[in-house]
Amino acid sequence: MLRFDLAEFPQSVVLAAEHRDDAPGWTGELATARRAVRLQEVRAVYYRRPGLPAVSSQVAEIYRDWAVSQALVGMVQVLSSLPVVWMHHPDVYRTSAHKPGQLVTASTAGLRVPRSFIGNSLESARRWGESIGGSLACKPVAAASLTLPDSPPTMLPTRRVEVSDLDESLELTAHYLQEWVPKDYEVRLTVVGRRMFPVAIHARSDKAKADWRADYDALEYEPVTIPGEVAEGVRRFMNAYRLNYGAFDFGVRPDGEWIFYECNPAGQWQFIAKATGLPIAEAHASLLQGAVS
């Protein structure tokens, strides 16, 4: 196994790939200071949130963005062309990672989704909110972190708001609003290949009830059974995006109905495995070794 961060290329990772007119794929070598692998012997690629290539300071500033783009496309596209198992293939990730498209795909797949609004029109947002007739959830539309002075990067949690809270600041950028879903608990559904690991997340604080990521210390985890129709909808969603991994978030209403919130195609799973003992790591290993279930 060879592990490296794309940010190490090209300064401390070396790629030498060849393509001939009498062979179908790329051959050659990928090497770090620790070890090297032959491209034709690669059997799987696990790709998760790499950094951008960091080029040498010897590259003049006016050429630096160009050099980064050459390194990024050169490495990723050579690896992408290998006929191997991928988890989080970059092309698949880019297609599947965004919430507006996910809501359409989830609805088409037969999953229930909250009524939603995206835009920067205050008048339209207020009119839409009034039509909901209750509280709203305000959440980021993109999975981007916020960096404040003297603070580490942080994510903005989901907030419960009322229509009366909407003001002119909404006009400054795109805002994502949804109807507030009354729920007994939430579910993190980790899907690896054909295997599903549904775990209820019980929130024990007000912050965690609005967004469980805001207060991990107030959470309790419990493996649960996924309803058959939800499992089928998730499979259709995965097939639509050609995903072989996804971390799904659902809210479960008091009547037991599962409401789809989003799917993170590169979402965290270790904390769920640690809390529950579920064999999620083993499922990853099996998938990357070519197992289909």
C-alpha atoms as a PDB file:
ATOM      1  CA  MET A   1       0.000   0.000   0.000  1.00  0.00           C
ATOM      2  CA  LEU A   2       1.225   3.494  -0.858  1.00  0.00           C
ATOM      3  CA  ARG A   3      -0.215   6.456   1.023  1.00  0.00           C
ATOM      4  CA  PHE A   4       0.446  10.058   0.097  1.00  0.00           C
ATOM      5  CA  ASP A   5      -1.177  13.483   0.040  1.00  0.00           C
ATOM      6  CA  LEU A   6      -1.572  15.135  -3.343  1.00  0.00           C
ATOM      7  CA  ALA A   7      -0.105  18.230  -1.671  1.00  0.00           C
ATOM      8  CA  GLU A   8       3.237  16.383  -1.613  1.00  0.00           C
ATOM      9  CA  PHE A   9       3.315  16.289  -5.412  1.00  0.00           C
ATOM     10  CA  PRO A  10       5.459  17.288  -7.218  1.00  0.00           C
ATOM     11  CA  GLN A  11       8.009  18.222  -4.539  1.00  0.00           C
ATOM     12  CA  SER A  12       8.321  14.878  -2.738  1.00  0.00           C
ATOM     13  CA  VAL A  13       6.220  12.505  -4.846  1.00  0.00           C
ATOM     14  CA  VAL A  14       7.510  11.392  -8.231  1.00  0.00           C
ATOM     15  CA  LEU A  15       5.291  10.234 -11.089  1.00  0.00           C
ATOM     16  CA  ALA A  16       6.695   8.573 -14.219  1.00  0.00           C
ATOM     17  CA  ALA A  17       3.853   7.274 -16.411  1.00  0.00           C
ATOM     18  CA  GLU A  18       4.009   6.015 -19.986  1.00  0.00           C
ATOM     19  CA  HIS A  19       1.280   5.291 -22.515  1.00  0.00           C
ATOM     20  CA  ARG A  20       2.123   3.374 -25.691  1.00  0.00           C
ATOM     21  CA  ASP A  21       0.104   2.946 -28.853  1.00  0.00           C
ATOM     22  CA  ASP A  22       0.198  -0.847 -28.482  1.00  0.00           C
ATOM     23  CA  ALA A  23      -1.102  -0.958 -24.865  1.00  0.00           C
ATOM     24  CA  PRO A  24      -4.491   0.072 -23.448  1.00  0.00           C
ATOM     25  CA  GLY A  25      -3.416   1.780 -20.233  1.00  0.00           C
ATOM     26  CA  TRP A  26      -0.718   3.642 -18.355  1.00  0.00           C
ATOM     27  CA  THR A  27       2.406   1.956 -17.055  1.00  0.00           C
ATOM     28  CA  GLY A  28       5.201   3.326 -14.923  1.00  0.00           C
ATOM     29  CA  GLU A  29       5.897   4.179 -11.321  1.00  0.00           C
ATOM     30  CA  LEU A  30       4.580   6.341  -8.502  1.00  0.00           C
ATOM     31  CA  ALA A  31       7.071   6.887  -5.709  1.00  0.00           C
ATOM     32  CA  THR A  32       7.443   8.648  -2.377  1.00  0.00           C
ATOM     33  CA  ALA A  33      10.466   8.774  -0.115  1.00  0.00           C
ATOM     34  CA  ARG A  34       9.035   5.728   1.689  1.00  0.00           C
ATOM     35  CA  ARG A  35       8.165   3.340  -1.139  1.00  0.00           C
ATOM     36  CA  ALA A  36       7.162   3.004  -4.772  1.00  0.00           C
ATOM     37  CA  VAL A  37       4.445   1.169  -6.698  1.00  0.00           C
ATOM     38  CA  ARG A  38       4.095   0.172 -10.337  1.00  0.00           C
ATOM     39  CA  LEU A  39       0.980   1.698 -11.878  1.00  0.00           C
ATOM     40  CA  GLN A  40       0.053  -1.530 -13.631  1.00  0.00           C
ATOM     41  CA  GLU A  41      -0.056  -3.296 -10.259  1.00  0.00           C
ATOM     42  CA  VAL A  42      -2.459  -0.852  -8.587  1.00  0.00           C
ATOM     43  CA  ARG A  43      -5.756  -2.552  -7.697  1.00  0.00           C
ATOM     44  CA  ALA A  44      -7.672   0.196  -5.862  1.00  0.00           C
ATOM     45  CA  VAL A  45      -7.501   3.909  -5.091  1.00  0.00           C
ATOM     46  CA  TYR A  46      -8.909   5.488  -1.921  1.00  0.00           C
ATOM     47  CA  TYR A  47      -9.175   9.231  -2.555  1.00  0.00           C
ATOM     48  CA  ARG A  48     -10.394  11.485   0.235  1.00  0.00           C
ATOM     49  CA  ARG A  49      -9.965  15.249   0.620  1.00  0.00           C
ATOM     50  CA  PRO A  50      -6.383  15.629  -0.597  1.00  0.00           C
ATOM     51  CA  GLY A  51      -4.605  18.946  -0.539  1.00  0.00           C
ATOM     52  CA  LEU A  52      -3.707  20.836  -3.691  1.00  0.00           C
ATOM     53  CA  PRO A  53      -0.256  20.259  -5.181  1.00  0.00           C
ATOM     54  CA  ALA A  54       2.372  22.513  -3.596  1.00  0.00           C
ATOM     55  CA  VAL A  55       4.868  23.587  -6.236  1.00  0.00           C
ATOM     56  CA  SER A  56       8.410  24.695  -5.528  1.00  0.00           C
ATOM     57  CA  SER A  57       9.176  28.283  -4.624  1.00  0.00           C
ATOM     58  CA  GLN A  58      11.512  28.192  -7.623  1.00  0.00           C
ATOM     59  CA  VAL A  59       8.415  28.499  -9.814  1.00  0.00           C
ATOM     60  CA  ALA A  60       7.823  32.184 -10.475  1.00  0.00           C
ATOM     61  CA  GLU A  61       4.638  33.624  -8.998  1.00  0.00           C
ATOM     62  CA  ILE A  62       3.131  34.380 -12.408  1.00  0.00           C
ATOM     63  CA  TYR A  63       3.423  30.689 -13.362  1.00  0.00           C
ATOM     64  CA  ARG A  64       2.420  29.155 -10.031  1.00  0.00           C
ATOM     65  CA  ASP A  65      -1.311  28.677 -10.685  1.00  0.00           C
ATOM     66  CA  TRP A  66      -0.501  27.176 -14.069  1.00  0.00           C
ATOM     67  CA  ALA A  67       2.016  24.767 -12.518  1.00  0.00           C
ATOM     68  CA  VAL A  68      -0.470  23.694  -9.841  1.00  0.00           C
ATOM     69  CA  SER A  69      -3.095  22.943 -12.485  1.00  0.00           C
ATOM     70  CA  GLN A  70      -0.589  20.862 -14.482  1.00  0.00           C
ATOM     71  CA  ALA A  71       0.354  18.839 -11.392  1.00  0.00           C
ATOM     72  CA  LEU A  72      -3.269  18.346 -10.325  1.00  0.00           C
ATOM     73  CA  VAL A  73      -4.551  17.163 -13.709  1.00  0.00           C
ATOM     74  CA  GLY A  74      -1.430  15.132 -14.445  1.00  0.00           C
ATOM     75  CA  MET A  75      -1.591  13.072 -11.259  1.00  0.00           C
ATOM     76  CA  VAL A  76      -5.357  12.748 -10.836  1.00  0.00           C
ATOM     77  CA  GLN A  77      -6.138  11.940 -14.448  1.00  0.00           C
ATOM     78  CA  VAL A  78      -3.422   9.303 -14.759  1.00  0.00           C
ATOM     79  CA  LEU A  79      -4.769   7.610 -11.634  1.00  0.00           C
ATOM     80  CA  SER A  80      -8.362   8.106 -12.802  1.00  0.00           C
ATOM     81  CA  SER A  81      -7.636   6.232 -16.024  1.00  0.00           C
ATOM     82  CA  LEU A  82      -6.449   3.096 -14.226  1.00  0.00           C
ATOM     83  CA  PRO A  83      -9.022   0.270 -14.502  1.00  0.00           C
ATOM     84  CA  VAL A  84      -9.293  -0.214 -10.730  1.00  0.00           C
ATOM     85  CA  VAL A  85     -11.764   0.097  -7.876  1.00  0.00           C
ATOM     86  CA  TRP A  86     -12.155   3.691  -6.718  1.00  0.00           C
ATOM     87  CA  MET A  87     -13.664   5.015  -3.539  1.00  0.00           C
ATOM     88  CA  HIS A  88     -14.549   8.688  -3.903  1.00  0.00           C
ATOM     89  CA  HIS A  89     -13.551   8.924  -7.543  1.00  0.00           C
ATOM     90  CA  PRO A  90     -12.998  12.699  -8.024  1.00  0.00           C
ATOM     91  CA  ASP A  91     -15.346  12.961 -11.009  1.00  0.00           C
ATOM     92  CA  VAL A  92     -18.092  11.109  -9.138  1.00  0.00           C
ATOM     93  CA  TYR A  93     -17.484  13.204  -6.033  1.00  0.00           C
ATOM     94  CA  ARG A  94     -17.794  16.499  -7.915  1.00  0.00           C
ATOM     95  CA  THR A  95     -21.065  15.388  -9.476  1.00  0.00           C
ATOM     96  CA  SER A  96     -22.652  14.082  -6.289  1.00  0.00           C
ATOM     97  CA  ALA A  97     -21.434  16.430  -3.547  1.00  0.00           C
ATOM     98  CA  HIS A  98     -23.819  19.381  -3.936  1.00  0.00           C
ATOM     99  CA  LYS A  99     -27.076  19.709  -2.006  1.00  0.00           C
ATOM    100  CA  PRO A 100     -29.335  21.331  -4.639  1.00  0.00           C
ATOM    101  CA  GLY A 101     -28.819  18.458  -7.050  1.00  0.00           C
ATOM    102  CA  GLN A 102     -29.048  15.890  -4.256  1.00  0.00           C
ATOM    103  CA  LEU A 103     -32.569  17.007  -3.348  1.00  0.00           C
ATOM    104  CA  VAL A 104     -33.740  16.424  -6.922  1.00  0.00           C
ATOM    105  CA  THR A 105     -32.015  13.040  -7.109  1.00  0.00           C
ATOM    106  CA  ALA A 106     -33.386  11.991  -3.715  1.00  0.00           C
ATOM    107  CA  SER A 107     -36.939  12.934  -4.703  1.00  0.00           C
ATOM    108  CA  THR A 108     -36.602  11.056  -7.987  1.00  0.00           C
ATOM    109  CA  ALA A 109     -35.289   8.047  -6.046  1.00  0.00           C
ATOM    110  CA  GLY A 110     -38.438   8.016  -3.904  1.00  0.00           C
ATOM    111  CA  LEU A 111     -36.978   9.513  -0.712  1.00  0.00           C
ATOM    112  CA  ARG A 112     -38.895  12.167   1.238  1.00  0.00           C
ATOM    113  CA  VAL A 113     -37.159  15.547   1.368  1.00  0.00           C
ATOM    114  CA  PRO A 114     -37.990  18.813   3.182  1.00  0.00           C
ATOM    115  CA  ARG A 115     -39.457  21.731   1.249  1.00  0.00           C
ATOM    116  CA  SER A 116     -36.513  23.980   0.421  1.00  0.00           C
ATOM    117  CA  PHE A 117     -35.564  27.448  -0.798  1.00  0.00           C
ATOM    118  CA  ILE A 118     -32.248  28.696  -2.237  1.00  0.00           C
ATOM    119  CA  GLY A 119     -31.690  32.291  -3.261  1.00  0.00           C
ATOM    120  CA  ASN A 120     -30.929  35.865  -2.267  1.00  0.00           C
ATOM    121  CA  SER A 121     -34.358  37.448  -2.709  1.00  0.00           C
ATOM    122  CA  LEU A 122     -35.572  38.539   0.715  1.00  0.00           C
ATOM    123  CA  GLU A 123     -39.100  39.148  -0.533  1.00  0.00           C
ATOM    124  CA  SER A 124     -39.307  35.673  -2.099  1.00  0.00           C
ATOM    125  CA  ALA A 125     -37.738  34.010   0.947  1.00  0.00           C
ATOM    126  CA  ARG A 126     -40.256  35.638   3.276  1.00  0.00           C
ATOM    127  CA  ARG A 127     -43.155  34.700   1.014  1.00  0.00           C
ATOM    128  CA  TRP A 128     -41.886  31.116   0.805  1.00  0.00           C
ATOM    129  CA  GLY A 129     -41.356  30.978   4.562  1.00  0.00           C
ATOM    130  CA  GLU A 130     -44.872  32.167   5.237  1.00  0.00           C
ATOM    131  CA  SER A 131     -46.187  29.372   3.003  1.00  0.00           C
ATOM    132  CA  ILE A 132     -44.379  26.827   5.177  1.00  0.00           C
ATOM    133  CA  GLY A 133     -46.353  27.977   8.210  1.00  0.00           C
ATOM    134  CA  GLY A 134     -43.728  27.193  10.821  1.00  0.00           C
ATOM    135  CA  SER A 135     -40.067  27.341  11.771  1.00  0.00           C
ATOM    136  CA  LEU A 136     -37.292  27.099   9.207  1.00  0.00           C
ATOM    137  CA  ALA A 137     -33.824  25.557   9.123  1.00  0.00           C
ATOM    138  CA  CYS A 138     -31.014  27.767   7.817  1.00  0.00           C
ATOM    139  CA  LYS A 139     -27.950  25.840   6.677  1.00  0.00           C
ATOM    140  CA  PRO A 140     -24.952  26.274   4.364  1.00  0.00           C
ATOM    141  CA  VAL A 141     -25.638  25.358   0.754  1.00  0.00           C
ATOM    142  CA  ALA A 142     -21.977  24.391   0.220  1.00  0.00           C
ATOM    143  CA  ALA A 143     -19.693  22.390   2.465  1.00  0.00           C
ATOM    144  CA  ALA A 144     -17.198  25.230   2.855  1.00  0.00           C
ATOM    145  CA  SER A 145     -15.540  26.085   6.146  1.00  0.00           C
ATOM    146  CA  LEU A 146     -15.328  29.593   7.562  1.00  0.00           C
ATOM    147  CA  THR A 147     -11.987  30.988   8.736  1.00  0.00           C
ATOM    148  CA  LEU A 148     -12.125  33.872  11.207  1.00  0.00           C
ATOM    149  CA  PRO A 149      -9.160  35.836  12.572  1.00  0.00           C
ATOM    150  CA  ASP A 150      -7.235  33.932  15.264  1.00  0.00           C
ATOM    151  CA  SER A 151      -9.543  30.914  14.885  1.00  0.00           C
ATOM    152  CA  PRO A 152      -9.216  27.548  13.181  1.00  0.00           C
ATOM    153  CA  PRO A 153     -11.473  26.802  10.187  1.00  0.00           C
ATOM    154  CA  THR A 154     -14.981  25.966  11.353  1.00  0.00           C
ATOM    155  CA  MET A 155     -18.239  24.909   9.780  1.00  0.00           C
ATOM    156  CA  LEU A 156     -21.465  26.833  10.220  1.00  0.00           C
ATOM    157  CA  PRO A 157     -24.074  24.631  11.917  1.00  0.00           C
ATOM    158  CA  THR A 158     -27.731  24.410  10.991  1.00  0.00           C
ATOM    159  CA  ARG A 159     -29.819  27.019  12.844  1.00  0.00           C
ATOM    160  CA  ARG A 160     -33.522  27.130  13.601  1.00  0.00           C
ATOM    161  CA  VAL A 161     -34.987  30.452  12.476  1.00  0.00           C
ATOM    162  CA  GLU A 162     -38.382  32.087  12.030  1.00  0.00           C
ATOM    163  CA  VAL A 163     -39.599  34.072   9.054  1.00  0.00           C
ATOM    164  CA  SER A 164     -39.357  37.206  11.190  1.00  0.00           C
ATOM    165  CA  ASP A 165     -35.588  36.569  11.560  1.00  0.00           C
ATOM    166  CA  LEU A 166     -34.971  36.957   7.810  1.00  0.00           C
ATOM    167  CA  ASP A 167     -33.423  40.336   7.026  1.00  0.00           C
ATOM    168  CA  GLU A 168     -31.447  42.171   4.335  1.00  0.00           C
ATOM    169  CA  SER A 169     -28.317  40.118   5.013  1.00  0.00           C
ATOM    170  CA  LEU A 170     -30.004  37.329   3.038  1.00  0.00           C
ATOM    171  CA  GLU A 171     -29.481  39.424  -0.114  1.00  0.00           C
ATOM    172  CA  LEU A 172     -25.678  39.321   0.191  1.00  0.00           C
ATOM    173  CA  THR A 173     -25.241  35.726  -1.033  1.00  0.00           C
ATOM    174  CA  ALA A 174     -27.207  32.558  -1.743  1.00  0.00           C
ATOM    175  CA  HIS A 175     -29.017  31.235   1.334  1.00  0.00           C
ATOM    176  CA  TYR A 176     -30.390  27.735   1.893  1.00  0.00           C
ATOM    177  CA  LEU A 177     -33.621  27.423   3.874  1.00  0.00           C
ATOM    178  CA  GLN A 178     -35.733  24.365   4.593  1.00  0.00           C
ATOM    179  CA  GLU A 179     -38.867  23.659   6.508  1.00  0.00           C
ATOM    180  CA  TRP A 180     -38.032  22.654  10.069  1.00  0.00           C
ATOM    181  CA  VAL A 181     -38.689  18.909  10.415  1.00  0.00           C
ATOM    182  CA  PRO A 182     -39.984  17.790  13.828  1.00  0.00           C
ATOM    183  CA  LYS A 183     -37.947  14.690  14.657  1.00  0.00           C
ATOM    184  CA  ASP A 184     -37.450  12.115  17.374  1.00  0.00           C
ATOM    185  CA  TYR A 185     -33.851  11.536  16.332  1.00  0.00           C
ATOM    186  CA  GLU A 186     -31.518  11.630  13.352  1.00  0.00           C
ATOM    187  CA  VAL A 187     -29.839   8.793  11.502  1.00  0.00           C
ATOM    188  CA  ARG A 188     -26.354   8.651  10.034  1.00  0.00           C
ATOM    189  CA  LEU A 189     -26.558   5.966   7.372  1.00  0.00           C
ATOM    190  CA  THR A 190     -23.132   4.825   6.196  1.00  0.00           C
ATOM    191  CA  VAL A 191     -23.286   2.950   2.892  1.00  0.00           C
ATOM    192  CA  VAL A 192     -20.258   0.988   1.679  1.00  0.00           C
ATOM    193  CA  GLY A 193     -20.901  -0.812  -1.579  1.00  0.00           C
ATOM    194  CA  ARG A 194     -24.141  -2.694  -0.981  1.00  0.00           C
ATOM    195  CA  ARG A 195     -23.784  -2.725   2.808  1.00  0.00           C
ATOM    196  CA  MET A 196     -25.771  -0.280   4.915  1.00  0.00           C
ATOM    197  CA  PHE A 197     -24.996   0.729   8.495  1.00  0.00           C
ATOM    198  CA  PRO A 198     -27.894   2.821   9.890  1.00  0.00           C
ATOM    199  CA  VAL A 199     -27.224   4.397  13.301  1.00  0.00           C
ATOM    200  CA  ALA A 200     -29.624   6.579  15.273  1.00  0.00           C
ATOM    201  CA  ILE A 201     -28.093   9.716  16.772  1.00  0.00           C
ATOM    202  CA  HIS A 202     -29.891  10.854  19.913  1.00  0.00           C
ATOM    203  CA  ALA A 203     -29.166  14.490  20.795  1.00  0.00           C
ATOM    204  CA  ARG A 204     -29.108  15.476  24.475  1.00  0.00           C
ATOM    205  CA  SER A 205     -28.578  19.239  24.163  1.00  0.00           C
ATOM    206  CA  ASP A 206     -30.361  22.082  22.390  1.00  0.00           C
ATOM    207  CA  LYS A 207     -27.347  22.710  20.146  1.00  0.00           C
ATOM    208  CA  ALA A 208     -27.155  19.057  19.150  1.00  0.00           C
ATOM    209  CA  LYS A 209     -30.886  18.904  18.461  1.00  0.00           C
ATOM    210  CA  ALA A 210     -30.493  21.679  15.881  1.00  0.00           C
ATOM    211  CA  ASP A 211     -27.303  20.163  14.408  1.00  0.00           C
ATOM    212  CA  TRP A 212     -25.662  17.169  16.058  1.00  0.00           C
ATOM    213  CA  ARG A 213     -22.264  18.221  14.673  1.00  0.00           C
ATOM    214  CA  ALA A 214     -22.367  21.247  16.978  1.00  0.00           C
ATOM    215  CA  ASP A 215     -22.096  19.210  20.203  1.00  0.00           C
ATOM    216  CA  TYR A 216     -20.559  15.737  19.862  1.00  0.00           C
ATOM    217  CA  ASP A 217     -20.355  15.330  23.648  1.00  0.00           C
ATOM    218  CA  ALA A 218     -24.170  15.380  23.850  1.00  0.00           C
ATOM    219  CA  LEU A 219     -24.730  12.464  21.455  1.00  0.00           C
ATOM    220  CA  GLU A 220     -25.724   8.853  21.969  1.00  0.00           C
ATOM    221  CA  TYR A 221     -25.571   6.269  19.181  1.00  0.00           C
ATOM    222  CA  GLU A 222     -27.795   3.272  18.526  1.00  0.00           C
ATOM    223  CA  PRO A 223     -27.788   0.897  15.521  1.00  0.00           C
ATOM    224  CA  VAL A 224     -31.298   0.732  14.026  1.00  0.00           C
ATOM    225  CA  THR A 225     -33.127  -1.013  11.191  1.00  0.00           C
ATOM    226  CA  ILE A 226     -33.637   0.886   7.949  1.00  0.00           C
ATOM    227  CA  PRO A 227     -37.136   0.676   6.422  1.00  0.00           C
ATOM    228  CA  GLY A 228     -37.197  -1.300   3.191  1.00  0.00           C
ATOM    229  CA  GLU A 229     -38.541   1.534   1.064  1.00  0.00           C
ATOM    230  CA  VAL A 230     -35.843   3.891   2.369  1.00  0.00           C
ATOM    231  CA  ALA A 231     -33.136   1.328   1.594  1.00  0.00           C
ATOM    232  CA  GLU A 232     -34.459   1.003  -1.951  1.00  0.00           C
ATOM    233  CA  GLY A 233     -34.494   4.775  -2.378  1.00  0.00           C
ATOM    234  CA  VAL A 234     -30.914   4.993  -1.135  1.00  0.00           C
ATOM    235  CA  ARG A 235     -29.834   2.339  -3.644  1.00  0.00           C
ATOM    236  CA  ARG A 236     -31.482   4.293  -6.448  1.00  0.00           C
ATOM    237  CA  PHE A 237     -29.742   7.466  -5.243  1.00  0.00           C
ATOM    238  CA  MET A 238     -26.364   5.690  -5.160  1.00  0.00           C
ATOM    239  CA  ASN A 239     -26.903   4.238  -8.621  1.00  0.00           C
ATOM    240  CA  ALA A 240     -27.880   7.624 -10.050  1.00  0.00           C
ATOM    241  CA  TYR A 241     -24.529   9.079  -9.001  1.00  0.00           C
ATOM    242  CA  ARG A 242     -22.494   5.853  -9.467  1.00  0.00           C
ATOM    243  CA  LEU A 243     -21.459   6.044  -5.812  1.00  0.00           C
ATOM    244  CA  ASN A 244     -19.990   3.109  -3.916  1.00  0.00           C
ATOM    245  CA  TYR A 245     -19.809   5.057  -0.643  1.00  0.00           C
ATOM    246  CA  GLY A 246     -22.019   7.646   1.005  1.00  0.00           C
ATOM    247  CA  ALA A 247     -22.678   9.078   4.466  1.00  0.00           C
ATOM    248  CA  PHE A 248     -26.400   9.918   4.506  1.00  0.00           C
ATOM    249  CA  ASP A 249     -28.184  12.086   7.052  1.00  0.00           C
ATOM    250  CA  PHE A 250     -31.882  11.555   7.796  1.00  0.00           C
ATOM    251  CA  GLY A 251     -34.312  12.964  10.321  1.00  0.00           C
ATOM    252  CA  VAL A 252     -36.895  10.529  11.704  1.00  0.00           C
ATOM    253  CA  ARG A 253     -40.250  12.123  12.422  1.00  0.00           C
ATOM    254  CA  PRO A 254     -42.384  11.125  15.460  1.00  0.00           C
ATOM    255  CA  ASP A 255     -44.538   9.006  13.121  1.00  0.00           C
ATOM    256  CA  GLY A 256     -41.426   7.071  12.026  1.00  0.00           C
ATOM    257  CA  GLU A 257     -41.066   8.614   8.561  1.00  0.00           C
ATOM    258  CA  TRP A 258     -37.475   9.080   7.393  1.00  0.00           C
ATOM    259  CA  ILE A 259     -36.671  12.494   5.838  1.00  0.00           C
ATOM    260  CA  PHE A 260     -33.579  12.824   3.646  1.00  0.00           C
ATOM    261  CA  TYR A 261     -31.303  15.779   4.446  1.00  0.00           C
ATOM    262  CA  GLU A 262     -28.136  15.161   2.460  1.00  0.00           C
ATOM    263  CA  CYS A 263     -25.446  12.692   1.451  1.00  0.00           C
ATOM    264  CA  ASN A 264     -21.741  13.372   1.947  1.00  0.00           C
ATOM    265  CA  PRO A 265     -19.872  11.215  -0.587  1.00  0.00           C
ATOM    266  CA  ALA A 266     -16.698  11.584   1.493  1.00  0.00           C
ATOM    267  CA  GLY A 267     -18.284  11.790   4.950  1.00  0.00           C
ATOM    268  CA  GLN A 268     -16.703  10.712   8.215  1.00  0.00           C
ATOM    269  CA  TRP A 269     -17.429   7.183   9.416  1.00  0.00           C
ATOM    270  CA  GLN A 270     -14.762   6.406  12.020  1.00  0.00           C
ATOM    271  CA  PHE A 271     -16.687   8.001  14.895  1.00  0.00           C
ATOM    272  CA  ILE A 272     -19.720   5.840  14.122  1.00  0.00           C
ATOM    273  CA  ALA A 273     -17.637   2.668  13.922  1.00  0.00           C
ATOM    274  CA  LYS A 274     -15.871   3.497  17.193  1.00  0.00           C
ATOM    275  CA  ALA A 275     -19.106   4.240  19.046  1.00  0.00           C
ATOM    276  CA  THR A 276     -21.021   1.197  17.812  1.00  0.00           C
ATOM    277  CA  GLY A 277     -18.460  -1.449  16.902  1.00  0.00           C
ATOM    278  CA  LEU A 278     -20.027  -1.821  13.453  1.00  0.00           C
ATOM    279  CA  PRO A 279     -17.634  -3.357  10.858  1.00  0.00           C
ATOM    280  CA  ILE A 280     -17.473  -0.298   8.613  1.00  0.00           C
ATOM    281  CA  ALA A 281     -13.682  -0.469   8.233  1.00  0.00           C
ATOM    282  CA  GLU A 282     -13.953  -4.117   7.218  1.00  0.00           C
ATOM    283  CA  ALA A 283     -16.578  -3.173   4.616  1.00  0.00           C
ATOM    284  CA  HIS A 284     -14.192  -0.573   3.180  1.00  0.00           C
ATOM    285  CA  ALA A 285     -11.388  -3.136   2.998  1.00  0.00           C
ATOM    286  CA  SER A 286     -13.621  -5.679   1.272  1.00  0.00           C
ATOM    287  CA  LEU A 287     -14.819  -3.151  -1.297  1.00  0.00           C
ATOM    288  CA  LEU A 288     -11.297  -1.987  -2.107  1.00  0.00           C
ATOM    289  CA  GLN A 289     -10.238  -5.604  -2.564  1.00  0.00           C
ATOM    290  CA  GLY A 290     -12.936  -6.079  -5.175  1.00  0.00           C
ATOM    291  CA  ALA A 291     -15.805  -7.559  -3.149  1.00  0.00           C
ATOM    292  CA  VAL A 292     -19.254  -6.533  -4.453  1.00  0.00           C
ATOM    293  CA  SER A 293     -21.169  -6.784  -1.181  1.00  0.00           C
END
